């Protein structure tokens, strides 16, 4: 089973089994296509669920963990290094 994102308002394009599983998952707009033997409803449901599970393997930016950047030592002490120092008197 292949699940393809659809434009908003398209709805769920596929069989009734796909529509029920996608609506339970909260997916509103999707195209689906399948190849092979889809007459057995149990196997088709398992394949649809596996495709849905595989699509959740990709993380969207809203699911990313926050990144804490550490300043490089040269960047951290640039203000100190940029201060003008009096010329040494000999």
Protein backbone atom coordinates (compact mmCIF):
# COMPACT_ATOMS: atom_id res chain seq x y z
CA UNK A 1 0.00 0.00 0.00
CA UNK A 2 1.30 3.44 -0.90
CA UNK A 3 0.05 6.51 0.93
CA UNK A 4 0.47 9.82 -0.86
CA UNK A 5 -0.27 13.21 0.75
CA UNK A 6 -3.19 14.95 -0.96
CA UNK A 7 -4.14 18.63 -1.17
CA UNK A 8 -6.45 19.95 1.54
CA UNK A 9 -10.08 19.20 0.90
CA UNK A 10 -9.42 16.09 -1.20
CA UNK A 11 -10.48 13.73 1.53
CA UNK A 12 -9.40 10.11 1.75
CA UNK A 13 -9.21 8.58 -1.71
CA UNK A 14 -9.18 4.81 -1.45
CA UNK A 15 -11.20 1.79 -0.45
CA UNK A 16 -13.59 1.72 2.51
CA UNK A 17 -11.05 -0.18 4.58
CA UNK A 18 -8.42 2.49 3.94
CA UNK A 19 -10.93 5.25 4.70
CA UNK A 20 -11.84 3.72 8.07
CA UNK A 21 -8.25 3.15 9.15
CA UNK A 22 -7.15 6.62 8.06
CA UNK A 23 -10.09 8.29 9.76
CA UNK A 24 -9.27 6.42 13.00
CA UNK A 25 -5.67 7.64 12.67
CA UNK A 26 -6.83 11.23 12.18
CA UNK A 27 -5.64 11.57 8.59
CA UNK A 28 -8.01 13.75 6.58
CA UNK A 29 -6.45 14.15 3.11
CA UNK A 30 -4.61 11.28 1.45
CA UNK A 31 -4.41 9.33 -1.79
CA UNK A 32 -3.79 5.60 -1.54
CA UNK A 33 -2.84 2.98 -4.06
CA UNK A 34 -2.15 -0.69 -3.66
CA UNK A 35 -0.69 -3.46 -5.72
CA UNK A 36 -0.97 -7.18 -5.31
CA UNK A 37 -3.80 -9.16 -3.76
CA UNK A 38 -6.14 -6.86 -1.87
CA UNK A 39 -9.19 -9.08 -1.82
CA UNK A 40 -8.33 -10.52 1.59
CA UNK A 41 -9.50 -7.77 3.91
CA UNK A 42 -7.33 -8.83 6.85
CA UNK A 43 -4.11 -8.74 4.85
CA UNK A 44 -5.12 -5.45 3.24
CA UNK A 45 -5.77 -3.93 6.67
CA UNK A 46 -2.36 -5.12 7.89
CA UNK A 47 -0.68 -3.64 4.82
CA UNK A 48 -2.49 -0.32 5.28
CA UNK A 49 -1.56 -0.20 8.95
CA UNK A 50 2.08 -1.02 8.11
CA UNK A 51 2.16 1.80 5.54
CA UNK A 52 0.68 4.19 8.09
CA UNK A 53 3.19 3.06 10.71
CA UNK A 54 6.07 3.56 8.27
CA UNK A 55 4.89 7.08 7.46
CA UNK A 56 5.05 8.02 11.14
CA UNK A 57 8.72 7.04 11.11
CA UNK A 58 9.50 10.40 9.50
CA UNK A 59 9.73 13.22 11.98
CA UNK A 60 8.18 16.52 11.13
CA UNK A 61 9.80 19.70 12.50
CA UNK A 62 7.17 20.06 15.22
CA UNK A 63 8.31 16.69 16.66
CA UNK A 64 12.04 17.54 16.73
CA UNK A 65 13.77 17.76 20.08
CA UNK A 66 15.04 21.25 20.98
CA UNK A 67 18.68 21.78 20.09
CA UNK A 68 20.93 23.44 22.64
CA UNK A 69 23.90 25.03 20.90
CA UNK A 70 27.17 25.52 22.73
CA UNK A 71 29.31 28.49 21.76
CA UNK A 72 32.75 27.81 20.38
CA UNK A 73 35.49 29.17 22.68
CA UNK A 74 36.56 31.72 20.05
CA UNK A 75 33.01 32.99 19.81
CA UNK A 76 32.51 32.97 23.55
CA UNK A 77 35.49 35.21 24.28
CA UNK A 78 35.30 37.57 21.29
CA UNK A 79 34.15 40.49 23.44
CA UNK A 80 37.15 40.05 25.73
CA UNK A 81 39.54 39.71 22.82
CA UNK A 82 38.05 42.72 21.02
CA UNK A 83 38.69 45.10 23.91
CA UNK A 84 41.47 47.51 23.19
CA UNK A 85 44.30 47.13 25.61
CA UNK A 86 46.72 49.87 26.46
CA UNK A 87 50.02 49.60 24.70
CA UNK A 88 52.72 48.33 26.97
CA UNK A 89 55.12 51.02 28.08
CA UNK A 90 58.76 50.04 28.08
